[in-house]
Amino acid sequence: MAYVTPEQLQDRLGSTLYARLTDRVNGTTADSAIAQQIIDEAEALANSYLAARYATPINLEAHPELADILAARVLDLAEYLAWRDSPFVTDIPERVRFLSEEASDWFASVAAGALNLPAASPPESCTAEHDQPRYSAEPRKFTAEELDGL
């Protein structure tokens, strides 16, 4: 389930900048396939953080209250990735860099458990166990008392 669509990225960037950042040949014609690749990368990055605590991708049908916050943060990442990968720009604007770092920090805080997703009910948790290794061993055949004097 996608958090962001190419149309949302275009709305955020504006038509001219969207075309410049998604057209890898001339920088003049919007390319929705490139935009989708950018979004897929941003969503994969977001899910890599979220997977530490939640089953990913987050089901937005079950948790529609999370759609806006996840879209905003993924768009922050996608905008940075669009600027970074475009052959027609040399410098990423400081505002874009700052928003991307803020989004990464936010996702890292969620992954660390310092922040919770603001859902009406908690999203399904991750099935992975991140605590200590699980093992079992047979009982000792010899105890310290039995070996005393040897």
N, C-alpha and C. Protein backbone atom coordinates (compact mmCIF):
# COMPACT_ATOMS: atom_id res chain seq x y z
N MET A 1 0.86 -1.17 0.00
CA MET A 1 0.00 0.00 0.00
C MET A 1 0.90 1.23 0.00
N ALA A 2 0.64 2.10 -0.92
CA ALA A 2 1.47 3.30 -1.08
C ALA A 2 1.07 4.38 -0.09
N TYR A 3 2.07 5.07 0.41
CA TYR A 3 1.83 6.22 1.29
C TYR A 3 1.67 7.49 0.48
N VAL A 4 2.27 7.53 -0.72
CA VAL A 4 2.31 8.73 -1.55
C VAL A 4 2.12 8.33 -3.01
N THR A 5 1.53 9.22 -3.79
CA THR A 5 1.36 9.00 -5.23
C THR A 5 2.21 10.01 -6.00
N PRO A 6 2.51 9.72 -7.27
CA PRO A 6 3.22 10.71 -8.08
C PRO A 6 2.48 12.05 -8.17
N GLU A 7 1.17 12.01 -8.13
CA GLU A 7 0.39 13.25 -8.17
C GLU A 7 0.64 14.10 -6.94
N GLN A 8 0.78 13.47 -5.78
CA GLN A 8 1.08 14.21 -4.56
C GLN A 8 2.48 14.83 -4.63
N LEU A 9 3.42 14.11 -5.21
CA LEU A 9 4.76 14.66 -5.38
C LEU A 9 4.72 15.84 -6.34
N GLN A 10 3.94 15.72 -7.41
CA GLN A 10 3.81 16.82 -8.36
C GLN A 10 3.15 18.04 -7.71
N ASP A 11 2.13 17.82 -6.91
CA ASP A 11 1.48 18.93 -6.20
C ASP A 11 2.46 19.63 -5.28
N ARG A 12 3.30 18.87 -4.64
CA ARG A 12 4.27 19.45 -3.71
C ARG A 12 5.33 20.27 -4.44
N LEU A 13 5.83 19.76 -5.56
CA LEU A 13 6.91 20.41 -6.28
C LEU A 13 6.44 21.49 -7.25
N GLY A 14 5.21 21.35 -7.73
CA GLY A 14 4.75 22.22 -8.80
C GLY A 14 5.11 21.58 -10.13
N SER A 15 4.35 21.86 -11.16
CA SER A 15 4.51 21.17 -12.45
C SER A 15 5.88 21.38 -13.08
N THR A 16 6.40 22.59 -13.05
CA THR A 16 7.68 22.87 -13.71
C THR A 16 8.83 22.15 -13.02
N LEU A 17 8.91 22.28 -11.71
CA LEU A 17 9.99 21.63 -10.97
C LEU A 17 9.84 20.11 -11.01
N TYR A 18 8.61 19.61 -10.95
CA TYR A 18 8.36 18.18 -11.05
C TYR A 18 8.92 17.64 -12.37
N ALA A 19 8.66 18.35 -13.46
CA ALA A 19 9.18 17.93 -14.76
C ALA A 19 10.70 17.97 -14.77
N ARG A 20 11.26 19.01 -14.21
CA ARG A 20 12.72 19.15 -14.21
C ARG A 20 13.40 18.05 -13.40
N LEU A 21 12.78 17.67 -12.29
CA LEU A 21 13.40 16.67 -11.42
C LEU A 21 13.10 15.23 -11.81
N THR A 22 12.09 15.01 -12.64
CA THR A 22 11.76 13.63 -13.02
C THR A 22 12.17 13.28 -14.44
N ASP A 23 12.40 14.25 -15.28
CA ASP A 23 12.86 13.99 -16.65
C ASP A 23 14.38 13.85 -16.61
N ARG A 24 14.87 12.66 -16.85
CA ARG A 24 16.32 12.42 -16.77
C ARG A 24 17.03 12.69 -18.10
N VAL A 25 16.27 13.02 -19.17
CA VAL A 25 16.87 13.26 -20.48
C VAL A 25 17.03 14.74 -20.77
N ASN A 26 15.92 15.48 -20.71
CA ASN A 26 15.95 16.90 -21.06
C ASN A 26 15.63 17.83 -19.90
N GLY A 27 14.98 17.31 -18.88
CA GLY A 27 14.58 18.14 -17.75
C GLY A 27 13.39 19.02 -18.06
N THR A 28 12.58 18.62 -19.03
CA THR A 28 11.44 19.46 -19.42
C THR A 28 10.10 18.74 -19.38
N THR A 29 10.09 17.43 -19.49
CA THR A 29 8.84 16.67 -19.56
C THR A 29 8.72 15.76 -18.34
N ALA A 30 7.62 15.87 -17.64
CA ALA A 30 7.40 15.05 -16.45
C ALA A 30 7.40 13.57 -16.81
N ASP A 31 8.02 12.78 -15.98
CA ASP A 31 8.08 11.33 -16.18
C ASP A 31 7.54 10.65 -14.93
N SER A 32 6.31 10.16 -15.02
CA SER A 32 5.68 9.56 -13.84
C SER A 32 6.35 8.25 -13.43
N ALA A 33 7.00 7.56 -14.37
CA ALA A 33 7.70 6.32 -14.01
C ALA A 33 8.90 6.64 -13.11
N ILE A 34 9.63 7.70 -13.42
CA ILE A 34 10.74 8.12 -12.57
C ILE A 34 10.21 8.60 -11.23
N ALA A 35 9.11 9.34 -11.25
CA ALA A 35 8.51 9.80 -9.99
C ALA A 35 8.12 8.61 -9.13
N GLN A 36 7.59 7.56 -9.73
CA GLN A 36 7.21 6.37 -8.97
C GLN A 36 8.44 5.69 -8.39
N GLN A 37 9.54 5.66 -9.13
CA GLN A 37 10.79 5.09 -8.60
C GLN A 37 11.28 5.88 -7.39
N ILE A 38 11.19 7.20 -7.48
CA ILE A 38 11.60 8.05 -6.36
C ILE A 38 10.73 7.77 -5.14
N ILE A 39 9.44 7.68 -5.36
CA ILE A 39 8.50 7.40 -4.26
C ILE A 39 8.75 6.02 -3.67
N ASP A 40 8.98 5.04 -4.53
CA ASP A 40 9.24 3.68 -4.05
C ASP A 40 10.49 3.66 -3.15
N GLU A 41 11.52 4.39 -3.54
CA GLU A 41 12.73 4.45 -2.73
C GLU A 41 12.46 5.13 -1.38
N ALA A 42 11.70 6.22 -1.41
CA ALA A 42 11.37 6.93 -0.17
C ALA A 42 10.52 6.05 0.74
N GLU A 43 9.56 5.33 0.18
CA GLU A 43 8.71 4.46 0.98
C GLU A 43 9.51 3.28 1.54
N ALA A 44 10.43 2.76 0.76
CA ALA A 44 11.28 1.66 1.25
C ALA A 44 12.14 2.14 2.42
N LEU A 45 12.65 3.35 2.31
CA LEU A 45 13.44 3.90 3.41
C LEU A 45 12.57 4.07 4.66
N ALA A 46 11.37 4.62 4.47
CA ALA A 46 10.44 4.79 5.60
C ALA A 46 10.11 3.43 6.23
N ASN A 47 9.81 2.45 5.39
CA ASN A 47 9.45 1.13 5.91
C ASN A 47 10.62 0.45 6.60
N SER A 48 11.85 0.76 6.18
CA SER A 48 13.00 0.16 6.84
C SER A 48 13.09 0.62 8.29
N TYR A 49 12.69 1.85 8.55
CA TYR A 49 12.63 2.34 9.93
C TYR A 49 11.42 1.76 10.66
N LEU A 50 10.25 1.84 10.03
CA LEU A 50 9.00 1.42 10.68
C LEU A 50 9.00 -0.08 10.99
N ALA A 51 9.71 -0.87 10.20
CA ALA A 51 9.71 -2.32 10.39
C ALA A 51 10.32 -2.75 11.71
N ALA A 52 11.06 -1.86 12.36
CA ALA A 52 11.62 -2.21 13.67
C ALA A 52 10.52 -2.42 14.70
N ARG A 53 9.36 -1.78 14.50
CA ARG A 53 8.28 -1.87 15.49
C ARG A 53 6.93 -2.28 14.93
N TYR A 54 6.74 -2.09 13.63
CA TYR A 54 5.42 -2.32 13.04
C TYR A 54 5.54 -3.21 11.81
N ALA A 55 4.45 -3.91 11.52
CA ALA A 55 4.38 -4.66 10.26
C ALA A 55 4.26 -3.63 9.14
N THR A 56 5.07 -3.78 8.13
CA THR A 56 5.09 -2.81 7.03
C THR A 56 4.67 -3.48 5.73
N PRO A 57 4.12 -2.73 4.81
CA PRO A 57 3.75 -1.33 4.95
C PRO A 57 2.57 -1.17 5.90
N ILE A 58 2.49 -0.02 6.52
CA ILE A 58 1.38 0.26 7.44
C ILE A 58 0.08 0.21 6.65
N ASN A 59 -0.90 -0.48 7.14
CA ASN A 59 -2.19 -0.60 6.48
C ASN A 59 -2.99 0.69 6.71
N LEU A 60 -3.05 1.53 5.68
CA LEU A 60 -3.74 2.81 5.81
C LEU A 60 -5.26 2.68 5.73
N GLU A 61 -5.73 1.53 5.27
CA GLU A 61 -7.18 1.30 5.30
C GLU A 61 -7.63 1.05 6.73
N ALA A 62 -6.81 0.34 7.48
CA ALA A 62 -7.14 0.07 8.89
C ALA A 62 -6.81 1.27 9.77
N HIS A 63 -5.86 2.11 9.33
CA HIS A 63 -5.40 3.26 10.12
C HIS A 63 -5.36 4.52 9.25
N PRO A 64 -6.53 5.00 8.80
CA PRO A 64 -6.54 6.18 7.93
C PRO A 64 -6.00 7.43 8.61
N GLU A 65 -6.00 7.45 9.94
CA GLU A 65 -5.49 8.61 10.67
C GLU A 65 -3.98 8.78 10.50
N LEU A 66 -3.30 7.74 10.02
CA LEU A 66 -1.85 7.82 9.81
C LEU A 66 -1.48 8.28 8.40
N ALA A 67 -2.45 8.36 7.51
CA ALA A 67 -2.16 8.68 6.11
C ALA A 67 -1.47 10.03 5.95
N ASP A 68 -1.96 11.06 6.62
CA ASP A 68 -1.39 12.40 6.45
C ASP A 68 0.03 12.51 6.99
N ILE A 69 0.28 11.97 8.18
CA ILE A 69 1.62 12.09 8.77
C ILE A 69 2.63 11.27 7.97
N LEU A 70 2.26 10.06 7.55
CA LEU A 70 3.18 9.26 6.76
C LEU A 70 3.42 9.87 5.39
N ALA A 71 2.37 10.40 4.77
CA ALA A 71 2.53 11.05 3.46
C ALA A 71 3.46 12.26 3.57
N ALA A 72 3.29 13.06 4.60
CA ALA A 72 4.13 14.25 4.75
C ALA A 72 5.60 13.87 4.92
N ARG A 73 5.87 12.88 5.76
CA ARG A 73 7.26 12.48 6.00
C ARG A 73 7.86 11.78 4.79
N VAL A 74 7.09 10.95 4.10
CA VAL A 74 7.61 10.27 2.91
C VAL A 74 7.82 11.30 1.79
N LEU A 75 6.96 12.28 1.68
CA LEU A 75 7.17 13.34 0.68
C LEU A 75 8.44 14.13 0.97
N ASP A 76 8.75 14.36 2.25
CA ASP A 76 10.01 15.02 2.60
C ASP A 76 11.20 14.22 2.06
N LEU A 77 11.15 12.90 2.24
CA LEU A 77 12.22 12.05 1.74
C LEU A 77 12.24 12.01 0.22
N ALA A 78 11.06 11.90 -0.39
CA ALA A 78 10.98 11.81 -1.85
C ALA A 78 11.47 13.09 -2.52
N GLU A 79 11.14 14.23 -1.95
CA GLU A 79 11.60 15.49 -2.54
C GLU A 79 13.13 15.55 -2.52
N TYR A 80 13.73 15.15 -1.42
CA TYR A 80 15.19 15.13 -1.34
C TYR A 80 15.77 14.18 -2.39
N LEU A 81 15.20 12.99 -2.51
CA LEU A 81 15.70 12.01 -3.48
C LEU A 81 15.55 12.51 -4.90
N ALA A 82 14.47 13.22 -5.19
CA ALA A 82 14.28 13.78 -6.53
C ALA A 82 15.37 14.79 -6.86
N TRP A 83 15.67 15.67 -5.90
CA TRP A 83 16.73 16.65 -6.10
C TRP A 83 18.09 15.96 -6.22
N ARG A 84 18.34 14.99 -5.35
CA ARG A 84 19.63 14.32 -5.33
C ARG A 84 19.95 13.60 -6.63
N ASP A 85 18.93 12.97 -7.23
CA ASP A 85 19.16 12.15 -8.41
C ASP A 85 19.00 12.87 -9.74
N SER A 86 18.56 14.11 -9.72
CA SER A 86 18.36 14.84 -10.97
C SER A 86 19.70 15.28 -11.57
N PRO A 87 19.90 15.02 -12.87
CA PRO A 87 21.14 15.47 -13.50
C PRO A 87 21.12 16.96 -13.85
N PHE A 88 20.00 17.63 -13.62
CA PHE A 88 19.85 19.02 -14.03
C PHE A 88 19.95 20.01 -12.88
N VAL A 89 20.31 19.54 -11.70
CA VAL A 89 20.52 20.44 -10.57
C VAL A 89 21.86 20.11 -9.93
N THR A 90 22.49 21.12 -9.37
CA THR A 90 23.80 20.90 -8.76
C THR A 90 23.73 20.95 -7.24
N ASP A 91 22.90 21.81 -6.70
CA ASP A 91 22.81 21.95 -5.24
C ASP A 91 21.39 21.68 -4.76
N ILE A 92 21.31 20.92 -3.69
CA ILE A 92 20.01 20.65 -3.06
C ILE A 92 19.72 21.82 -2.14
N PRO A 93 18.53 22.42 -2.25
CA PRO A 93 18.20 23.56 -1.38
C PRO A 93 18.27 23.15 0.10
N GLU A 94 18.69 24.08 0.92
CA GLU A 94 18.83 23.82 2.36
C GLU A 94 17.50 23.40 2.98
N ARG A 95 16.39 24.00 2.54
CA ARG A 95 15.07 23.65 3.05
C ARG A 95 14.77 22.17 2.79
N VAL A 96 15.09 21.69 1.60
CA VAL A 96 14.83 20.30 1.23
C VAL A 96 15.72 19.36 2.06
N ARG A 97 16.96 19.73 2.22
CA ARG A 97 17.89 18.93 3.02
C ARG A 97 17.42 18.86 4.48
N PHE A 98 16.99 20.00 5.02
CA PHE A 98 16.53 20.07 6.40
C PHE A 98 15.30 19.19 6.60
N LEU A 99 14.31 19.28 5.70
CA LEU A 99 13.10 18.47 5.83
C LEU A 99 13.39 16.98 5.74
N SER A 100 14.33 16.61 4.88
CA SER A 100 14.71 15.21 4.75
C SER A 100 15.36 14.70 6.04
N GLU A 101 16.24 15.51 6.61
CA GLU A 101 16.88 15.12 7.87
C GLU A 101 15.86 15.02 9.00
N GLU A 102 14.92 15.96 9.03
CA GLU A 102 13.86 15.91 10.04
C GLU A 102 13.01 14.65 9.89
N ALA A 103 12.68 14.29 8.65
CA ALA A 103 11.89 13.09 8.40
C ALA A 103 12.66 11.84 8.83
N SER A 104 13.94 11.79 8.49
CA SER A 104 14.77 10.64 8.89
C SER A 104 14.86 10.53 10.40
N ASP A 105 15.03 11.67 11.07
CA ASP A 105 15.08 11.68 12.53
C ASP A 105 13.75 11.22 13.13
N TRP A 106 12.65 11.65 12.53
CA TRP A 106 11.33 11.26 13.01
C TRP A 106 11.15 9.74 12.88
N PHE A 107 11.48 9.19 11.70
CA PHE A 107 11.37 7.75 11.50
C PHE A 107 12.29 6.99 12.45
N ALA A 108 13.49 7.50 12.67
CA ALA A 108 14.42 6.85 13.61
C ALA A 108 13.86 6.85 15.03
N SER A 109 13.20 7.93 15.42
CA SER A 109 12.59 8.00 16.75
C SER A 109 11.45 7.01 16.89
N VAL A 110 10.68 6.85 15.83
CA VAL A 110 9.60 5.85 15.84
C VAL A 110 10.20 4.46 15.97
N ALA A 111 11.25 4.20 15.19
CA ALA A 111 11.89 2.88 15.23
C ALA A 111 12.47 2.58 16.61
N ALA A 112 13.02 3.60 17.26
CA ALA A 112 13.63 3.41 18.58
C ALA A 112 12.60 3.33 19.70
N GLY A 113 11.36 3.65 19.40
CA GLY A 113 10.33 3.62 20.43
C GLY A 113 10.19 4.92 21.19
N ALA A 114 10.95 5.95 20.81
CA ALA A 114 10.84 7.25 21.47
C ALA A 114 9.55 7.96 21.06
N LEU A 115 9.04 7.64 19.87
CA LEU A 115 7.77 8.17 19.38
C LEU A 115 6.89 7.01 18.97
N ASN A 116 5.60 7.17 19.15
CA ASN A 116 4.63 6.19 18.68
C ASN A 116 3.85 6.80 17.54
N LEU A 117 3.42 5.96 16.61
CA LEU A 117 2.56 6.45 15.55
C LEU A 117 1.25 6.88 16.18
N PRO A 118 0.75 8.05 15.81
CA PRO A 118 -0.47 8.58 16.44
C PRO A 118 -1.74 7.92 15.89
N ALA A 119 -1.89 6.64 16.15
CA ALA A 119 -3.04 5.89 15.66
C ALA A 119 -4.09 5.76 16.76
N ALA A 120 -5.35 5.64 16.33
CA ALA A 120 -6.43 5.45 17.29
C ALA A 120 -6.24 4.12 18.03
N SER A 121 -5.78 3.11 17.31
CA SER A 121 -5.37 1.85 17.91
C SER A 121 -4.00 1.52 17.34
N PRO A 122 -3.15 0.87 18.08
CA PRO A 122 -1.79 0.63 17.59
C PRO A 122 -1.79 -0.21 16.32
N PRO A 123 -0.95 0.17 15.34
CA PRO A 123 -0.81 -0.68 14.16
C PRO A 123 -0.26 -2.04 14.55
N GLU A 124 -0.46 -2.99 13.70
CA GLU A 124 0.03 -4.34 13.96
C GLU A 124 1.53 -4.28 14.21
N SER A 125 1.96 -4.97 15.24
CA SER A 125 3.39 -4.93 15.58
C SER A 125 4.17 -5.87 14.67
N CYS A 126 5.44 -5.63 14.67
CA CYS A 126 6.37 -6.44 13.88
C CYS A 126 6.46 -7.83 14.50
N THR A 127 6.62 -8.84 13.70
CA THR A 127 6.71 -10.20 14.23
C THR A 127 8.13 -10.55 14.64
N ALA A 128 9.09 -9.73 14.25
CA ALA A 128 10.49 -10.01 14.59
C ALA A 128 10.74 -9.73 16.07
N GLU A 129 11.58 -10.53 16.67
CA GLU A 129 11.97 -10.35 18.06
C GLU A 129 13.31 -9.63 18.07
N HIS A 130 13.39 -8.51 18.75
CA HIS A 130 14.63 -7.75 18.77
C HIS A 130 15.31 -7.80 20.13
N ASP A 131 14.80 -8.64 21.01
CA ASP A 131 15.47 -8.72 22.30
C ASP A 131 16.56 -9.78 22.22
N GLN A 132 16.90 -10.37 23.30
CA GLN A 132 18.03 -11.28 23.36
C GLN A 132 17.75 -12.60 22.63
N PRO A 133 18.81 -13.30 22.27
CA PRO A 133 18.62 -14.58 21.59
C PRO A 133 17.87 -15.57 22.48
N ARG A 134 17.13 -16.43 21.85
CA ARG A 134 16.39 -17.45 22.58
C ARG A 134 17.11 -18.79 22.41
N TYR A 135 17.29 -19.47 23.51
CA TYR A 135 17.96 -20.76 23.45
C TYR A 135 17.46 -21.60 24.61
N SER A 136 17.72 -22.87 24.50
CA SER A 136 17.43 -23.77 25.62
C SER A 136 18.56 -24.79 25.66
N ALA A 137 18.84 -25.23 26.83
CA ALA A 137 19.92 -26.19 27.01
C ALA A 137 19.45 -27.29 27.95
N GLU A 138 20.09 -28.42 27.84
CA GLU A 138 19.77 -29.52 28.75
C GLU A 138 20.29 -29.17 30.14
N PRO A 139 19.71 -29.74 31.17
CA PRO A 139 20.23 -29.49 32.51
C PRO A 139 21.67 -30.00 32.63
N ARG A 140 22.43 -29.41 33.50
CA ARG A 140 23.81 -29.82 33.70
C ARG A 140 23.87 -31.25 34.23
N LYS A 141 24.83 -31.99 33.71
CA LYS A 141 25.01 -33.36 34.17
C LYS A 141 25.79 -33.40 35.48
N PHE A 142 26.71 -32.44 35.63
CA PHE A 142 27.49 -32.35 36.85
C PHE A 142 27.34 -30.95 37.41
N THR A 143 27.11 -30.87 38.68
CA THR A 143 26.99 -29.58 39.33
C THR A 143 28.28 -29.27 40.07
N ALA A 144 28.41 -28.07 40.55
CA ALA A 144 29.63 -27.68 41.28
C ALA A 144 29.80 -28.54 42.53
N GLU A 145 28.70 -28.92 43.19
CA GLU A 145 28.80 -29.74 44.39
C GLU A 145 29.29 -31.14 44.07
N GLU A 146 28.84 -31.72 42.96
CA GLU A 146 29.26 -33.06 42.57
C GLU A 146 30.74 -33.10 42.18
N LEU A 147 31.25 -32.00 41.68
CA LEU A 147 32.65 -31.94 41.25
C LEU A 147 33.59 -31.45 42.33
N ASP A 148 33.07 -31.17 43.51
CA ASP A 148 33.91 -30.68 44.58
C ASP A 148 34.97 -31.72 44.94
N GLY A 149 36.19 -31.29 44.95
CA GLY A 149 37.28 -32.19 45.30
C GLY A 149 37.96 -32.81 44.11
N LEU A 150 37.48 -32.62 42.96
CA LEU A 150 38.15 -33.19 41.78
C LEU A 150 39.15 -32.25 41.22
